[in-house]
Amino acid sequence: MVLVLSATLADVIVPYDPIRNNVGPNLEGPDGTHLFGTDHFGRDVFSRVVYGARTSLYVGIGATLLGVLAATLLGAVSGYMGAKLDYFVQRFVDLAHAIPPLIFLLGVLLVLGPRTEYVILALGLRTGLSLSRIVRGSVIDIKGEDFVEAARSFGASDARILTFHVLPNIFALIIVLVSTTIGGLIVAEAALSFLGFGVPPPTPSWGGMLSVDGRIYMLAAPWLLAAPAFSLTLVVFATNMFGDALRDELDPRLRSA
């Protein structure tokens, strides 16, 4: 909730423009005027951290929704249809998995360019391929159930069975995948920004702040490294805990245990 409120109410929360220079002395430590201090351009670090939450939430949720949607479509069709279609889809997924995730993401962004929309596309594509295996396994289990066979015996088409019988039964799984994936994608966006391939400056992002400001001035001004690092750690921990709790609540086997 802190992440969501910080991202949506950033314009109200921050005391300064996050990209405006010389709002205070250069490299000034935290005080009553600048809660997290200032950077080497005199920009308010607190304002940049709050706006960085907006960037992380935008990229994290956007890439997660795109990836889970792609995983649902790819995994459901592959698992339900089986045969040659499933074989070729799984070999394509194996090929994607053979490429290290960071190399895959960097390759996509080298071709498309370092824009926020392309970061979301690259992260969503990689996530969709990875999660499709989980969806496929669940669909394979469900398609052998009696209610699916009953629907097929009444003449229901494959599209109708997938839409009204299979997908509703993996909805809880999809919700869990969304909640547990956001944290990892926020870290992935920070890693890309740290390497200079993520959200382009001057847009504030936690990974960019760690790379440019925090890495260079971490000894002279450690608050430049501590503020985005602590925020990133807290958000990832919170989203992972929320995803675990949601999984325990939605999975009847874990709930009964």
C-alpha atoms as a PDB file:
ATOM      1  CA  MET A   1       0.000   0.000   0.000  1.00  0.00           C
ATOM      2  CA  VAL A   2       2.887   2.361   0.702  1.00  0.00           C
ATOM      3  CA  LEU A   3       4.265   1.689  -2.773  1.00  0.00           C
ATOM      4  CA  VAL A   4       0.891   2.217  -4.451  1.00  0.00           C
ATOM      5  CA  LEU A   5       0.115   5.387  -2.503  1.00  0.00           C
ATOM      6  CA  SER A   6       3.612   6.783  -3.092  1.00  0.00           C
ATOM      7  CA  ALA A   7       3.310   6.152  -6.812  1.00  0.00           C
ATOM      8  CA  THR A   8      -0.203   7.544  -7.238  1.00  0.00           C
ATOM      9  CA  LEU A   9       0.193  10.532  -4.902  1.00  0.00           C
ATOM     10  CA  ALA A  10       3.770  11.417  -5.820  1.00  0.00           C
ATOM     11  CA  ASP A  11       2.776  14.884  -7.027  1.00  0.00           C
ATOM     12  CA  VAL A  12       1.235  15.626  -3.609  1.00  0.00           C
ATOM     13  CA  ILE A  13       3.890  13.967  -1.429  1.00  0.00           C
ATOM     14  CA  VAL A  14       7.124  15.335  -2.855  1.00  0.00           C
ATOM     15  CA  PRO A  15       8.296  18.787  -1.756  1.00  0.00           C
ATOM     16  CA  TYR A  16      10.436  19.446  -4.864  1.00  0.00           C
ATOM     17  CA  ASP A  17      10.536  18.685  -8.563  1.00  0.00           C
ATOM     18  CA  PRO A  18      12.551  15.421  -8.805  1.00  0.00           C
ATOM     19  CA  ILE A  19      14.489  16.529 -11.896  1.00  0.00           C
ATOM     20  CA  ARG A  20      15.057  20.154 -10.893  1.00  0.00           C
ATOM     21  CA  ASN A  21      18.664  21.032 -10.099  1.00  0.00           C
ATOM     22  CA  ASN A  22      19.939  23.199  -7.257  1.00  0.00           C
ATOM     23  CA  VAL A  23      16.918  22.944  -4.960  1.00  0.00           C
ATOM     24  CA  GLY A  24      19.525  22.681  -2.206  1.00  0.00           C
ATOM     25  CA  PRO A  25      23.311  22.530  -1.732  1.00  0.00           C
ATOM     26  CA  ASN A  26      25.131  19.806  -3.619  1.00  0.00           C
ATOM     27  CA  LEU A  27      25.670  16.556  -1.687  1.00  0.00           C
ATOM     28  CA  GLU A  28      23.987  17.814   1.464  1.00  0.00           C
ATOM     29  CA  GLY A  29      23.198  15.145   4.037  1.00  0.00           C
ATOM     30  CA  PRO A  30      19.709  14.381   5.337  1.00  0.00           C
ATOM     31  CA  ASP A  31      18.195  17.165   7.432  1.00  0.00           C
ATOM     32  CA  GLY A  32      14.839  18.792   8.139  1.00  0.00           C
ATOM     33  CA  THR A  33      14.703  20.436   4.710  1.00  0.00           C
ATOM     34  CA  HIS A  34      15.812  17.448   2.639  1.00  0.00           C
ATOM     35  CA  LEU A  35      14.810  14.211   4.374  1.00  0.00           C
ATOM     36  CA  PHE A  36      17.111  12.007   2.270  1.00  0.00           C
ATOM     37  CA  GLY A  37      19.663  14.703   1.446  1.00  0.00           C
ATOM     38  CA  THR A  38      20.580  16.001  -2.010  1.00  0.00           C
ATOM     39  CA  ASP A  39      22.635  14.610  -4.885  1.00  0.00           C
ATOM     40  CA  HIS A  40      25.555  16.105  -6.814  1.00  0.00           C
ATOM     41  CA  PHE A  41      23.170  18.247  -8.871  1.00  0.00           C
ATOM     42  CA  GLY A  42      21.411  19.598  -5.806  1.00  0.00           C
ATOM     43  CA  ARG A  43      18.269  17.542  -6.503  1.00  0.00           C
ATOM     44  CA  ASP A  44      16.141  16.370  -3.602  1.00  0.00           C
ATOM     45  CA  VAL A  45      16.741  12.638  -3.096  1.00  0.00           C
ATOM     46  CA  PHE A  46      13.455  12.068  -1.245  1.00  0.00           C
ATOM     47  CA  SER A  47      11.491  13.444  -4.192  1.00  0.00           C
ATOM     48  CA  ARG A  48      13.441  11.252  -6.590  1.00  0.00           C
ATOM     49  CA  VAL A  49      12.887   8.138  -4.459  1.00  0.00           C
ATOM     50  CA  VAL A  50       9.119   8.767  -4.319  1.00  0.00           C
ATOM     51  CA  TYR A  51       8.932   9.292  -8.090  1.00  0.00           C
ATOM     52  CA  GLY A  52      11.119   6.204  -8.482  1.00  0.00           C
ATOM     53  CA  ALA A  53       8.301   4.253  -6.803  1.00  0.00           C
ATOM     54  CA  ARG A  54       6.012   5.397  -9.611  1.00  0.00           C
ATOM     55  CA  THR A  55       8.511   4.172 -12.199  1.00  0.00           C
ATOM     56  CA  SER A  56       8.954   0.822 -10.443  1.00  0.00           C
ATOM     57  CA  LEU A  57       5.217   0.301 -10.036  1.00  0.00           C
ATOM     58  CA  TYR A  58       4.524   1.228 -13.669  1.00  0.00           C
ATOM     59  CA  VAL A  59       7.194  -1.098 -15.035  1.00  0.00           C
ATOM     60  CA  GLY A  60       6.546  -3.877 -12.502  1.00  0.00           C
ATOM     61  CA  ILE A  61       2.779  -4.041 -12.958  1.00  0.00           C
ATOM     62  CA  GLY A  62       2.905  -3.451 -16.709  1.00  0.00           C
ATOM     63  CA  ALA A  63       5.491  -6.161 -17.337  1.00  0.00           C
ATOM     64  CA  THR A  64       3.750  -8.552 -14.926  1.00  0.00           C
ATOM     65  CA  LEU A  65       0.345  -8.200 -16.575  1.00  0.00           C
ATOM     66  CA  LEU A  66       1.885  -8.567 -20.027  1.00  0.00           C
ATOM     67  CA  GLY A  67       3.937 -11.583 -18.983  1.00  0.00           C
ATOM     68  CA  VAL A  68       1.111 -13.367 -17.161  1.00  0.00           C
ATOM     69  CA  LEU A  69      -1.263 -12.745 -20.065  1.00  0.00           C
ATOM     70  CA  ALA A  70       1.259 -14.182 -22.526  1.00  0.00           C
ATOM     71  CA  ALA A  71       1.968 -17.121 -20.203  1.00  0.00           C
ATOM     72  CA  THR A  72      -1.753 -17.855 -19.822  1.00  0.00           C
ATOM     73  CA  LEU A  73      -2.424 -17.840 -23.547  1.00  0.00           C
ATOM     74  CA  LEU A  74       0.711 -19.760 -24.483  1.00  0.00           C
ATOM     75  CA  GLY A  75       0.554 -22.278 -21.641  1.00  0.00           C
ATOM     76  CA  ALA A  76      -3.199 -22.900 -21.899  1.00  0.00           C
ATOM     77  CA  VAL A  77      -3.197 -23.496 -25.661  1.00  0.00           C
ATOM     78  CA  SER A  78      -0.024 -25.578 -25.548  1.00  0.00           C
ATOM     79  CA  GLY A  79      -1.141 -27.712 -22.613  1.00  0.00           C
ATOM     80  CA  TYR A  80      -4.690 -28.259 -23.859  1.00  0.00           C
ATOM     81  CA  MET A  81      -3.971 -28.937 -27.526  1.00  0.00           C
ATOM     82  CA  GLY A  82      -0.894 -31.110 -26.918  1.00  0.00           C
ATOM     83  CA  ALA A  83       0.570 -33.123 -29.796  1.00  0.00           C
ATOM     84  CA  LYS A  84       2.830 -31.320 -32.294  1.00  0.00           C
ATOM     85  CA  LEU A  85       1.747 -27.826 -31.245  1.00  0.00           C
ATOM     86  CA  ASP A  86       2.789 -28.486 -27.665  1.00  0.00           C
ATOM     87  CA  TYR A  87       6.080 -29.988 -28.835  1.00  0.00           C
ATOM     88  CA  PHE A  88       7.077 -26.995 -30.962  1.00  0.00           C
ATOM     89  CA  VAL A  89       5.968 -24.458 -28.350  1.00  0.00           C
ATOM     90  CA  GLN A  90       7.981 -26.189 -25.635  1.00  0.00           C
ATOM     91  CA  ARG A  91      11.073 -26.375 -27.815  1.00  0.00           C
ATOM     92  CA  PHE A  92      10.752 -22.625 -28.401  1.00  0.00           C
ATOM     93  CA  VAL A  93      10.479 -22.084 -24.646  1.00  0.00           C
ATOM     94  CA  ASP A  94      13.545 -24.295 -24.133  1.00  0.00           C
ATOM     95  CA  LEU A  95      15.440 -22.136 -26.618  1.00  0.00           C
ATOM     96  CA  ALA A  96      14.467 -18.986 -24.734  1.00  0.00           C
ATOM     97  CA  HIS A  97      15.517 -20.568 -21.425  1.00  0.00           C
ATOM     98  CA  ALA A  98      18.911 -21.439 -22.894  1.00  0.00           C
ATOM     99  CA  ILE A  99      19.676 -17.713 -23.093  1.00  0.00           C
ATOM    100  CA  PRO A 100      20.606 -16.155 -19.716  1.00  0.00           C
ATOM    101  CA  PRO A 101      17.814 -13.770 -18.624  1.00  0.00           C
ATOM    102  CA  LEU A 102      20.015 -10.667 -18.447  1.00  0.00           C
ATOM    103  CA  ILE A 103      21.545 -11.371 -21.869  1.00  0.00           C
ATOM    104  CA  PHE A 104      18.057 -11.889 -23.308  1.00  0.00           C
ATOM    105  CA  LEU A 105      16.809  -8.582 -21.884  1.00  0.00           C
ATOM    106  CA  LEU A 106      19.882  -6.651 -22.983  1.00  0.00           C
ATOM    107  CA  GLY A 107      19.598  -8.095 -26.494  1.00  0.00           C
ATOM    108  CA  VAL A 108      15.976  -6.989 -26.823  1.00  0.00           C
ATOM    109  CA  LEU A 109      16.748  -3.493 -25.543  1.00  0.00           C
ATOM    110  CA  LEU A 110      19.802  -3.160 -27.776  1.00  0.00           C
ATOM    111  CA  VAL A 111      17.545  -3.767 -30.773  1.00  0.00           C
ATOM    112  CA  LEU A 112      14.564  -1.681 -29.627  1.00  0.00           C
ATOM    113  CA  GLY A 113      16.267   1.015 -27.572  1.00  0.00           C
ATOM    114  CA  PRO A 114      16.200   2.060 -23.884  1.00  0.00           C
ATOM    115  CA  ARG A 115      12.626   3.294 -23.514  1.00  0.00           C
ATOM    116  CA  THR A 116      10.236   2.578 -20.672  1.00  0.00           C
ATOM    117  CA  GLU A 117       7.719   0.864 -22.979  1.00  0.00           C
ATOM    118  CA  TYR A 118      10.441  -1.356 -24.428  1.00  0.00           C
ATOM    119  CA  VAL A 119      11.647  -2.277 -20.932  1.00  0.00           C
ATOM    120  CA  ILE A 120       8.102  -3.429 -20.118  1.00  0.00           C
ATOM    121  CA  LEU A 121       7.939  -5.364 -23.403  1.00  0.00           C
ATOM    122  CA  ALA A 122      11.280  -7.096 -22.830  1.00  0.00           C
ATOM    123  CA  LEU A 123      10.484  -8.027 -19.230  1.00  0.00           C
ATOM    124  CA  GLY A 124       6.970  -9.157 -20.116  1.00  0.00           C
ATOM    125  CA  LEU A 125       8.172 -11.336 -22.988  1.00  0.00           C
ATOM    126  CA  ARG A 126      10.778 -13.093 -20.875  1.00  0.00           C
ATOM    127  CA  THR A 127       8.339 -13.531 -17.996  1.00  0.00           C
ATOM    128  CA  GLY A 128       5.636 -14.929 -20.280  1.00  0.00           C
ATOM    129  CA  LEU A 129       7.946 -17.601 -21.638  1.00  0.00           C
ATOM    130  CA  SER A 130       9.122 -18.597 -18.163  1.00  0.00           C
ATOM    131  CA  LEU A 131       5.687 -18.764 -16.553  1.00  0.00           C
ATOM    132  CA  SER A 132       4.030 -20.578 -19.458  1.00  0.00           C
ATOM    133  CA  ARG A 133       5.433 -23.867 -18.166  1.00  0.00           C
ATOM    134  CA  ILE A 134       3.561 -23.440 -14.861  1.00  0.00           C
ATOM    135  CA  VAL A 135       0.288 -22.664 -16.634  1.00  0.00           C
ATOM    136  CA  ARG A 136       0.788 -25.553 -19.046  1.00  0.00           C
ATOM    137  CA  GLY A 137       1.255 -28.032 -16.201  1.00  0.00           C
ATOM    138  CA  SER A 138      -1.954 -26.908 -14.507  1.00  0.00           C
ATOM    139  CA  VAL A 139      -3.927 -27.076 -17.758  1.00  0.00           C
ATOM    140  CA  ILE A 140      -2.674 -30.614 -18.442  1.00  0.00           C
ATOM    141  CA  ASP A 141      -3.940 -31.682 -15.010  1.00  0.00           C
ATOM    142  CA  ILE A 142      -7.338 -30.034 -15.470  1.00  0.00           C
ATOM    143  CA  LYS A 143      -8.079 -31.204 -19.020  1.00  0.00           C
ATOM    144  CA  GLY A 144      -8.260 -34.787 -17.811  1.00  0.00           C
ATOM    145  CA  GLU A 145     -10.966 -34.051 -15.226  1.00  0.00           C
ATOM    146  CA  ASP A 146     -14.468 -35.485 -15.581  1.00  0.00           C
ATOM    147  CA  PHE A 147     -16.187 -32.120 -16.057  1.00  0.00           C
ATOM    148  CA  VAL A 148     -13.979 -31.389 -19.093  1.00  0.00           C
ATOM    149  CA  GLU A 149     -14.788 -34.789 -20.573  1.00  0.00           C
ATOM    150  CA  ALA A 150     -18.492 -34.147 -19.895  1.00  0.00           C
ATOM    151  CA  ALA A 151     -18.345 -30.801 -21.692  1.00  0.00           C
ATOM    152  CA  ARG A 152     -16.573 -32.421 -24.634  1.00  0.00           C
ATOM    153  CA  SER A 153     -19.167 -35.212 -24.810  1.00  0.00           C
ATOM    154  CA  PHE A 154     -21.930 -32.592 -25.050  1.00  0.00           C
ATOM    155  CA  GLY A 155     -20.215 -31.186 -28.145  1.00  0.00           C
ATOM    156  CA  ALA A 156     -18.498 -28.135 -26.617  1.00  0.00           C
ATOM    157  CA  SER A 157     -15.739 -26.732 -28.798  1.00  0.00           C
ATOM    158  CA  ASP A 158     -12.117 -26.528 -27.634  1.00  0.00           C
ATOM    159  CA  ALA A 159     -12.364 -22.742 -27.402  1.00  0.00           C
ATOM    160  CA  ARG A 160     -15.453 -22.967 -25.188  1.00  0.00           C
ATOM    161  CA  ILE A 161     -13.888 -25.591 -22.940  1.00  0.00           C
ATOM    162  CA  LEU A 162     -10.750 -23.487 -22.528  1.00  0.00           C
ATOM    163  CA  THR A 163     -12.724 -20.306 -21.843  1.00  0.00           C
ATOM    164  CA  PHE A 164     -15.469 -21.578 -19.549  1.00  0.00           C
ATOM    165  CA  HIS A 165     -14.020 -24.716 -17.953  1.00  0.00           C
ATOM    166  CA  VAL A 166     -10.219 -24.645 -17.928  1.00  0.00           C
ATOM    167  CA  LEU A 167      -9.273 -20.981 -17.406  1.00  0.00           C
ATOM    168  CA  PRO A 168     -11.669 -20.396 -14.463  1.00  0.00           C
ATOM    169  CA  ASN A 169     -10.018 -23.297 -12.659  1.00  0.00           C
ATOM    170  CA  ILE A 170      -6.527 -21.783 -12.969  1.00  0.00           C
ATOM    171  CA  PHE A 171      -7.646 -18.262 -12.029  1.00  0.00           C
ATOM    172  CA  ALA A 172      -6.260 -18.603  -8.499  1.00  0.00           C
ATOM    173  CA  LEU A 173      -2.928 -19.690  -9.978  1.00  0.00           C
ATOM    174  CA  ILE A 174      -2.899 -16.633 -12.252  1.00  0.00           C
ATOM    175  CA  ILE A 175      -3.523 -14.296  -9.317  1.00  0.00           C
ATOM    176  CA  VAL A 176      -0.660 -15.876  -7.391  1.00  0.00           C
ATOM    177  CA  LEU A 177       1.660 -15.574 -10.405  1.00  0.00           C
ATOM    178  CA  VAL A 178       0.838 -11.864 -10.655  1.00  0.00           C
ATOM    179  CA  SER A 179       1.502 -11.212  -6.975  1.00  0.00           C
ATOM    180  CA  THR A 180       4.755 -13.186  -6.834  1.00  0.00           C
ATOM    181  CA  THR A 181       6.190 -11.842 -10.096  1.00  0.00           C
ATOM    182  CA  ILE A 182       5.979  -8.099  -9.473  1.00  0.00           C
ATOM    183  CA  GLY A 183       8.855  -8.043  -6.981  1.00  0.00           C
ATOM    184  CA  GLY A 184      11.235  -9.886  -9.283  1.00  0.00           C
ATOM    185  CA  LEU A 185      10.423  -7.630 -12.222  1.00  0.00           C
ATOM    186  CA  ILE A 186      10.999  -4.511 -10.124  1.00  0.00           C
ATOM    187  CA  VAL A 187      14.465  -5.876  -9.339  1.00  0.00           C
ATOM    188  CA  ALA A 188      15.003  -6.715 -13.033  1.00  0.00           C
ATOM    189  CA  GLU A 189      14.084  -3.141 -14.029  1.00  0.00           C
ATOM    190  CA  ALA A 190      16.492  -1.807 -11.407  1.00  0.00           C
ATOM    191  CA  ALA A 191      19.239  -4.082 -12.751  1.00  0.00           C
ATOM    192  CA  LEU A 192      18.661  -2.874 -16.320  1.00  0.00           C
ATOM    193  CA  SER A 193      18.659   0.761 -15.180  1.00  0.00           C
ATOM    194  CA  PHE A 194      21.841   0.101 -13.207  1.00  0.00           C
ATOM    195  CA  LEU A 195      23.500  -1.102 -16.420  1.00  0.00           C
ATOM    196  CA  GLY A 196      22.176   1.864 -18.386  1.00  0.00           C
ATOM    197  CA  PHE A 197      19.562  -0.041 -20.412  1.00  0.00           C
ATOM    198  CA  GLY A 198      16.485   0.632 -18.315  1.00  0.00           C
ATOM    199  CA  VAL A 199      14.330   3.707 -17.877  1.00  0.00           C
ATOM    200  CA  PRO A 200      16.288   6.558 -19.518  1.00  0.00           C
ATOM    201  CA  PRO A 201      17.272   9.656 -17.509  1.00  0.00           C
ATOM    202  CA  PRO A 202      16.241  12.148 -16.275  1.00  0.00           C
ATOM    203  CA  THR A 203      13.230  10.006 -15.219  1.00  0.00           C
ATOM    204  CA  PRO A 204      13.964   8.918 -11.631  1.00  0.00           C
ATOM    205  CA  SER A 205      14.381   5.178 -11.119  1.00  0.00           C
ATOM    206  CA  TRP A 206      15.863   3.302  -8.199  1.00  0.00           C
ATOM    207  CA  GLY A 207      18.252   1.344 -10.396  1.00  0.00           C
ATOM    208  CA  GLY A 208      19.476   4.504 -12.108  1.00  0.00           C
ATOM    209  CA  MET A 209      20.004   6.193  -8.748  1.00  0.00           C
ATOM    210  CA  LEU A 210      22.024   3.217  -7.546  1.00  0.00           C
ATOM    211  CA  SER A 211      24.123   3.211 -10.719  1.00  0.00           C
ATOM    212  CA  VAL A 212      24.924   6.872 -11.317  1.00  0.00           C
ATOM    213  CA  ASP A 213      24.606   8.626  -7.975  1.00  0.00           C
ATOM    214  CA  GLY A 214      24.991   5.848  -5.447  1.00  0.00           C
ATOM    215  CA  ARG A 215      27.933   4.023  -7.024  1.00  0.00           C
ATOM    216  CA  ILE A 216      30.059   7.113  -7.675  1.00  0.00           C
ATOM    217  CA  TYR A 217      29.394   8.962  -4.420  1.00  0.00           C
ATOM    218  CA  MET A 218      28.746   6.018  -2.081  1.00  0.00           C
ATOM    219  CA  LEU A 219      31.718   6.938   0.147  1.00  0.00           C
ATOM    220  CA  ALA A 220      31.338  10.720   0.151  1.00  0.00           C
ATOM    221  CA  ALA A 221      27.511  10.669   0.262  1.00  0.00           C
ATOM    222  CA  PRO A 222      26.284   7.225   1.361  1.00  0.00           C
ATOM    223  CA  TRP A 223      22.664   8.416   1.565  1.00  0.00           C
ATOM    224  CA  LEU A 224      22.563   8.430  -2.241  1.00  0.00           C
ATOM    225  CA  LEU A 225      23.042   4.652  -2.168  1.00  0.00           C
ATOM    226  CA  ALA A 226      21.100   3.904   1.006  1.00  0.00           C
ATOM    227  CA  ALA A 227      17.802   5.606   0.066  1.00  0.00           C
ATOM    228  CA  PRO A 228      17.026   3.748  -3.211  1.00  0.00           C
ATOM    229  CA  ALA A 229      18.589   0.490  -1.949  1.00  0.00           C
ATOM    230  CA  PHE A 230      16.425   0.466   1.184  1.00  0.00           C
ATOM    231  CA  SER A 231      13.307   1.370  -0.800  1.00  0.00           C
ATOM    232  CA  LEU A 232      13.967  -1.392  -3.334  1.00  0.00           C
ATOM    233  CA  THR A 233      14.612  -3.962  -0.607  1.00  0.00           C
ATOM    234  CA  LEU A 234      11.487  -3.007   1.331  1.00  0.00           C
ATOM    235  CA  VAL A 235       9.200  -3.137  -1.713  1.00  0.00           C
ATOM    236  CA  VAL A 236      10.516  -6.479  -2.966  1.00  0.00           C
ATOM    237  CA  PHE A 237      10.224  -7.992   0.515  1.00  0.00           C
ATOM    238  CA  ALA A 238       6.667  -6.690   0.870  1.00  0.00           C
ATOM    239  CA  THR A 239       5.499  -7.934  -2.530  1.00  0.00           C
ATOM    240  CA  ASN A 240       7.056 -11.363  -1.981  1.00  0.00           C
ATOM    241  CA  MET A 241       5.418 -11.702   1.433  1.00  0.00           C
ATOM    242  CA  PHE A 242       2.097 -10.589  -0.017  1.00  0.00           C
ATOM    243  CA  GLY A 243       2.404 -13.135  -2.825  1.00  0.00           C
ATOM    244  CA  ASP A 244       3.221 -15.948  -0.387  1.00  0.00           C
ATOM    245  CA  ALA A 245       0.271 -15.041   1.838  1.00  0.00           C
ATOM    246  CA  LEU A 246      -2.052 -14.866  -1.153  1.00  0.00           C
ATOM    247  CA  ARG A 247      -0.855 -18.257  -2.385  1.00  0.00           C
ATOM    248  CA  ASP A 248      -1.463 -19.797   1.046  1.00  0.00           C
ATOM    249  CA  GLU A 249      -4.955 -18.305   1.129  1.00  0.00           C
ATOM    250  CA  LEU A 250      -5.997 -19.343  -2.363  1.00  0.00           C
ATOM    251  CA  ASP A 251      -4.474 -22.836  -2.390  1.00  0.00           C
ATOM    252  CA  PRO A 252      -6.849 -25.117  -0.424  1.00  0.00           C
ATOM    253  CA  ARG A 253      -4.095 -27.646   0.209  1.00  0.00           C
ATOM    254  CA  LEU A 254      -1.861 -25.080   1.891  1.00  0.00           C
ATOM    255  CA  ARG A 255      -4.788 -23.501   3.726  1.00  0.00           C
ATOM    256  CA  SER A 256      -5.884 -26.838   5.214  1.00  0.00           C
ATOM    257  CA  ALA A 257      -2.295 -27.628   6.227  1.00  0.00           C
END
